Amino acid sequence: MSYSEKLCAKTQNVKNAIKNKDMVKENNIYNQKIRIFIERKKHTSYYIGLIKNIR
């Protein structure tokens, strides 16, 4: 493996690492949104239950 080939492989590795990091970040944001959505859903169903009980 020549010097330029090694350098090329290294840059590729760095690029892949950055891409993976971005994907992980996106996944975390997505999971957070889902978690918030589920929490909100729980709260609304809880409040709907309360209102029905009052009536």
PDB file of N, CA and C in Angstrom:
ATOM      1  N   MET A   1       0.842  -1.195   0.000  1.00  0.00           N
ATOM      2  CA  MET A   1       0.000   0.000   0.000  1.00  0.00           C
ATOM      3  C   MET A   1       0.884   1.255   0.000  1.00  0.00           C
ATOM      4  N   SER A   2       0.691   2.075  -0.979  1.00  0.00           N
ATOM      5  CA  SER A   2       1.496   3.298  -1.066  1.00  0.00           C
ATOM      6  C   SER A   2       0.993   4.357  -0.081  1.00  0.00           C
ATOM      7  N   TYR A   3       1.789   5.409   0.071  1.00  0.00           N
ATOM      8  CA  TYR A   3       1.441   6.480   1.014  1.00  0.00           C
ATOM      9  C   TYR A   3       0.104   7.125   0.652  1.00  0.00           C
ATOM     10  N   SER A   4      -0.081   7.409  -0.650  1.00  0.00           N
ATOM     11  CA  SER A   4      -1.318   8.080  -1.077  1.00  0.00           C
ATOM     12  C   SER A   4      -2.538   7.174  -0.862  1.00  0.00           C
ATOM     13  N   GLU A   5      -2.351   5.877  -1.046  1.00  0.00           N
ATOM     14  CA  GLU A   5      -3.451   4.924  -0.817  1.00  0.00           C
ATOM     15  C   GLU A   5      -3.838   4.901   0.668  1.00  0.00           C
ATOM     16  N   LYS A   6      -2.811   4.896   1.511  1.00  0.00           N
ATOM     17  CA  LYS A   6      -3.062   4.917   2.960  1.00  0.00           C
ATOM     18  C   LYS A   6      -3.822   6.177   3.353  1.00  0.00           C
ATOM     19  N   LEU A   7      -3.362   7.306   2.797  1.00  0.00           N
ATOM     20  CA  LEU A   7      -3.989   8.586   3.082  1.00  0.00           C
ATOM     21  C   LEU A   7      -5.454   8.558   2.647  1.00  0.00           C
ATOM     22  N   CYS A   8      -5.683   8.011   1.463  1.00  0.00           N
ATOM     23  CA  CYS A   8      -7.035   7.921   0.897  1.00  0.00           C
ATOM     24  C   CYS A   8      -7.928   7.076   1.814  1.00  0.00           C
ATOM     25  N   ALA A   9      -7.405   5.939   2.266  1.00  0.00           N
ATOM     26  CA  ALA A   9      -8.156   5.043   3.155  1.00  0.00           C
ATOM     27  C   ALA A   9      -8.489   5.754   4.465  1.00  0.00           C
ATOM     28  N   LYS A  10      -7.504   6.513   4.968  1.00  0.00           N
ATOM     29  CA  LYS A  10      -7.688   7.239   6.222  1.00  0.00           C
ATOM     30  C   LYS A  10      -8.816   8.265   6.090  1.00  0.00           C
ATOM     31  N   THR A  11      -8.772   9.020   4.984  1.00  0.00           N
ATOM     32  CA  THR A  11      -9.820  10.035   4.759  1.00  0.00           C
ATOM     33  C   THR A  11     -11.173   9.356   4.659  1.00  0.00           C
ATOM     34  N   GLN A  12     -11.223   8.226   3.970  1.00  0.00           N
ATOM     35  CA  GLN A  12     -12.480   7.489   3.816  1.00  0.00           C
ATOM     36  C   GLN A  12     -13.010   7.072   5.182  1.00  0.00           C
ATOM     37  N   ASN A  13     -12.110   6.579   6.029  1.00  0.00           N
ATOM     38  CA  ASN A  13     -12.496   6.168   7.391  1.00  0.00           C
ATOM     39  C   ASN A  13     -13.078   7.335   8.168  1.00  0.00           C
ATOM     40  N   VAL A  14     -12.402   8.486   8.062  1.00  0.00           N
ATOM     41  CA  VAL A  14     -12.873   9.675   8.770  1.00  0.00           C
ATOM     42  C   VAL A  14     -14.248  10.071   8.257  1.00  0.00           C
ATOM     43  N   LYS A  15     -14.414  10.056   6.918  1.00  0.00           N
ATOM     44  CA  LYS A  15     -15.707  10.406   6.325  1.00  0.00           C
ATOM     45  C   LYS A  15     -16.805   9.468   6.824  1.00  0.00           C
ATOM     46  N   ASN A  16     -16.502   8.174   6.847  1.00  0.00           N
ATOM     47  CA  ASN A  16     -17.478   7.187   7.320  1.00  0.00           C
ATOM     48  C   ASN A  16     -17.830   7.403   8.783  1.00  0.00           C
ATOM     49  N   ALA A  17     -16.817   7.713   9.574  1.00  0.00           N
ATOM     50  CA  ALA A  17     -17.045   7.952  11.003  1.00  0.00           C
ATOM     51  C   ALA A  17     -17.977   9.142  11.196  1.00  0.00           C
ATOM     52  N   ILE A  18     -17.732  10.212  10.427  1.00  0.00           N
ATOM     53  CA  ILE A  18     -18.579  11.405  10.531  1.00  0.00           C
ATOM     54  C   ILE A  18     -20.003  11.069  10.118  1.00  0.00           C
ATOM     55  N   LYS A  19     -20.130  10.298   9.026  1.00  0.00           N
ATOM     56  CA  LYS A  19     -21.451   9.900   8.534  1.00  0.00           C
ATOM     57  C   LYS A  19     -22.191   9.090   9.597  1.00  0.00           C
ATOM     58  N   ASN A  20     -21.492   8.137  10.217  1.00  0.00           N
ATOM     59  CA  ASN A  20     -22.093   7.315  11.270  1.00  0.00           C
ATOM     60  C   ASN A  20     -22.552   8.159  12.442  1.00  0.00           C
ATOM     61  N   LYS A  21     -21.703   9.134  12.817  1.00  0.00           N
ATOM     62  CA  LYS A  21     -22.034  10.009  13.932  1.00  0.00           C
ATOM     63  C   LYS A  21     -23.318  10.774  13.634  1.00  0.00           C
ATOM     64  N   ASP A  22     -23.412  11.280  12.387  1.00  0.00           N
ATOM     65  CA  ASP A  22     -24.606  12.022  11.981  1.00  0.00           C
ATOM     66  C   ASP A  22     -25.836  11.127  12.040  1.00  0.00           C
ATOM     67  N   MET A  23     -25.681   9.872  11.592  1.00  0.00           N
ATOM     68  CA  MET A  23     -26.809   8.945  11.597  1.00  0.00           C
ATOM     69  C   MET A  23     -27.270   8.660  13.015  1.00  0.00           C
ATOM     70  N   VAL A  24     -26.306   8.479  13.922  1.00  0.00           N
ATOM     71  CA  VAL A  24     -26.632   8.235  15.334  1.00  0.00           C
ATOM     72  C   VAL A  24     -27.392   9.430  15.897  1.00  0.00           C
ATOM     73  N   LYS A  25     -26.897  10.635  15.548  1.00  0.00           N
ATOM     74  CA  LYS A  25     -27.522  11.865  16.014  1.00  0.00           C
ATOM     75  C   LYS A  25     -28.967  11.934  15.532  1.00  0.00           C
ATOM     76  N   GLU A  26     -29.170  11.665  14.225  1.00  0.00           N
ATOM     77  CA  GLU A  26     -30.515  11.688  13.653  1.00  0.00           C
ATOM     78  C   GLU A  26     -31.413  10.686  14.356  1.00  0.00           C
ATOM     79  N   ASN A  27     -30.887   9.485  14.588  1.00  0.00           N
ATOM     80  CA  ASN A  27     -31.655   8.444  15.279  1.00  0.00           C
ATOM     81  C   ASN A  27     -32.073   8.888  16.660  1.00  0.00           C
ATOM     82  N   ASN A  28     -31.148   9.517  17.382  1.00  0.00           N
ATOM     83  CA  ASN A  28     -31.452   9.984  18.735  1.00  0.00           C
ATOM     84  C   ASN A  28     -32.556  11.025  18.718  1.00  0.00           C
ATOM     85  N   ILE A  29     -32.484  11.947  17.749  1.00  0.00           N
ATOM     86  CA  ILE A  29     -33.515  12.987  17.642  1.00  0.00           C
ATOM     87  C   ILE A  29     -34.859  12.322  17.339  1.00  0.00           C
ATOM     88  N   TYR A  30     -34.848  11.354  16.418  1.00  0.00           N
ATOM     89  CA  TYR A  30     -36.064  10.639  16.033  1.00  0.00           C
ATOM     90  C   TYR A  30     -36.659   9.913  17.238  1.00  0.00           C
ATOM     91  N   ASN A  31     -35.812   9.213  17.978  1.00  0.00           N
ATOM     92  CA  ASN A  31     -36.272   8.484  19.165  1.00  0.00           C
ATOM     93  C   ASN A  31     -36.847   9.419  20.214  1.00  0.00           C
ATOM     94  N   GLN A  32     -36.192  10.587  20.363  1.00  0.00           N
ATOM     95  CA  GLN A  32     -36.671  11.576  21.321  1.00  0.00           C
ATOM     96  C   GLN A  32     -38.071  12.037  20.936  1.00  0.00           C
ATOM     97  N   LYS A  33     -38.267  12.317  19.628  1.00  0.00           N
ATOM     98  CA  LYS A  33     -39.571  12.768  19.154  1.00  0.00           C
ATOM     99  C   LYS A  33     -40.626  11.719  19.435  1.00  0.00           C
ATOM    100  N   ILE A  34     -40.290  10.450  19.177  1.00  0.00           N
ATOM    101  CA  ILE A  34     -41.244   9.364  19.429  1.00  0.00           C
ATOM    102  C   ILE A  34     -41.577   9.300  20.916  1.00  0.00           C
ATOM    103  N   ARG A  35     -40.541   9.419  21.758  1.00  0.00           N
ATOM    104  CA  ARG A  35     -40.743   9.361  23.209  1.00  0.00           C
ATOM    105  C   ARG A  35     -41.689  10.476  23.655  1.00  0.00           C
ATOM    106  N   ILE A  36     -41.442  11.688  23.162  1.00  0.00           N
ATOM    107  CA  ILE A  36     -42.283  12.831  23.526  1.00  0.00           C
ATOM    108  C   ILE A  36     -43.714  12.573  23.060  1.00  0.00           C
ATOM    109  N   PHE A  37     -43.842  12.051  21.834  1.00  0.00           N
ATOM    110  CA  PHE A  37     -45.165  11.769  21.270  1.00  0.00           C
ATOM    111  C   PHE A  37     -45.906  10.764  22.148  1.00  0.00           C
ATOM    112  N   ILE A  38     -45.218   9.700  22.554  1.00  0.00           N
ATOM    113  CA  ILE A  38     -45.843   8.668  23.400  1.00  0.00           C
ATOM    114  C   ILE A  38     -46.248   9.272  24.743  1.00  0.00           C
ATOM    115  N   GLU A  39     -45.361  10.077  25.330  1.00  0.00           N
ATOM    116  CA  GLU A  39     -45.672  10.714  26.612  1.00  0.00           C
ATOM    117  C   GLU A  39     -46.932  11.567  26.490  1.00  0.00           C
ATOM    118  N   ARG A  40     -46.991  12.360  25.428  1.00  0.00           N
ATOM    119  CA  ARG A  40     -48.159  13.226  25.216  1.00  0.00           C
ATOM    120  C   ARG A  40     -49.416  12.400  25.068  1.00  0.00           C
ATOM    121  N   LYS A  41     -49.284  11.279  24.319  1.00  0.00           N
ATOM    122  CA  LYS A  41     -50.439  10.414  24.087  1.00  0.00           C
ATOM    123  C   LYS A  41     -50.948   9.864  25.425  1.00  0.00           C
ATOM    124  N   LYS A  42     -50.003   9.449  26.271  1.00  0.00           N
ATOM    125  CA  LYS A  42     -50.367   8.932  27.595  1.00  0.00           C
ATOM    126  C   LYS A  42     -51.148   9.982  28.371  1.00  0.00           C
ATOM    127  N   HIS A  43     -50.633  11.205  28.347  1.00  0.00           N
ATOM    128  CA  HIS A  43     -51.275  12.287  29.092  1.00  0.00           C
ATOM    129  C   HIS A  43     -52.678  12.546  28.564  1.00  0.00           C
ATOM    130  N   THR A  44     -52.829  12.610  27.221  1.00  0.00           N
ATOM    131  CA  THR A  44     -54.155  12.904  26.672  1.00  0.00           C
ATOM    132  C   THR A  44     -55.135  11.808  27.029  1.00  0.00           C
ATOM    133  N   SER A  45     -54.708  10.544  26.892  1.00  0.00           N
ATOM    134  CA  SER A  45     -55.642   9.464  27.226  1.00  0.00           C
ATOM    135  C   SER A  45     -55.981   9.505  28.710  1.00  0.00           C
ATOM    136  N   TYR A  46     -55.032   9.900  29.538  1.00  0.00           N
ATOM    137  CA  TYR A  46     -55.269  10.015  30.974  1.00  0.00           C
ATOM    138  C   TYR A  46     -56.314  11.097  31.241  1.00  0.00           C
ATOM    139  N   TYR A  47     -56.151  12.244  30.579  1.00  0.00           N
ATOM    140  CA  TYR A  47     -57.094  13.344  30.780  1.00  0.00           C
ATOM    141  C   TYR A  47     -58.477  12.999  30.230  1.00  0.00           C
ATOM    142  N   ILE A  48     -58.508  12.319  29.082  1.00  0.00           N
ATOM    143  CA  ILE A  48     -59.800  11.907  28.509  1.00  0.00           C
ATOM    144  C   ILE A  48     -60.509  10.983  29.505  1.00  0.00           C
ATOM    145  N   GLY A  49     -59.736  10.062  30.115  1.00  0.00           N
ATOM    146  CA  GLY A  49     -60.284   9.157  31.130  1.00  0.00           C
ATOM    147  C   GLY A  49     -60.856   9.928  32.298  1.00  0.00           C
ATOM    148  N   LEU A  50     -60.141  10.946  32.748  1.00  0.00           N
ATOM    149  CA  LEU A  50     -60.600  11.767  33.870  1.00  0.00           C
ATOM    150  C   LEU A  50     -61.913  12.456  33.527  1.00  0.00           C
ATOM    151  N   ILE A  51     -61.949  13.059  32.337  1.00  0.00           N
ATOM    152  CA  ILE A  51     -63.147  13.796  31.920  1.00  0.00           C
ATOM    153  C   ILE A  51     -64.342  12.849  31.855  1.00  0.00           C
ATOM    154  N   LYS A  52     -64.120  11.654  31.303  1.00  0.00           N
ATOM    155  CA  LYS A  52     -65.211  10.673  31.215  1.00  0.00           C
ATOM    156  C   LYS A  52     -65.698  10.288  32.610  1.00  0.00           C
ATOM    157  N   ASN A  53     -64.758  10.144  33.567  1.00  0.00           N
ATOM    158  CA  ASN A  53     -65.133   9.778  34.933  1.00  0.00           C
ATOM    159  C   ASN A  53     -65.935  10.879  35.605  1.00  0.00           C
ATOM    160  N   ILE A  54     -65.578  12.122  35.337  1.00  0.00           N
ATOM    161  CA  ILE A  54     -66.301  13.250  35.926  1.00  0.00           C
ATOM    162  C   ILE A  54     -67.738  13.260  35.411  1.00  0.00           C
ATOM    163  N   ARG A  55     -67.878  13.049  34.109  1.00  0.00           N
ATOM    164  CA  ARG A  55     -69.225  13.004  33.531  1.00  0.00           C
ATOM    165  C   ARG A  55     -69.919  11.766  34.043  1.00  0.00           C
TER     166      ARG A  55
END
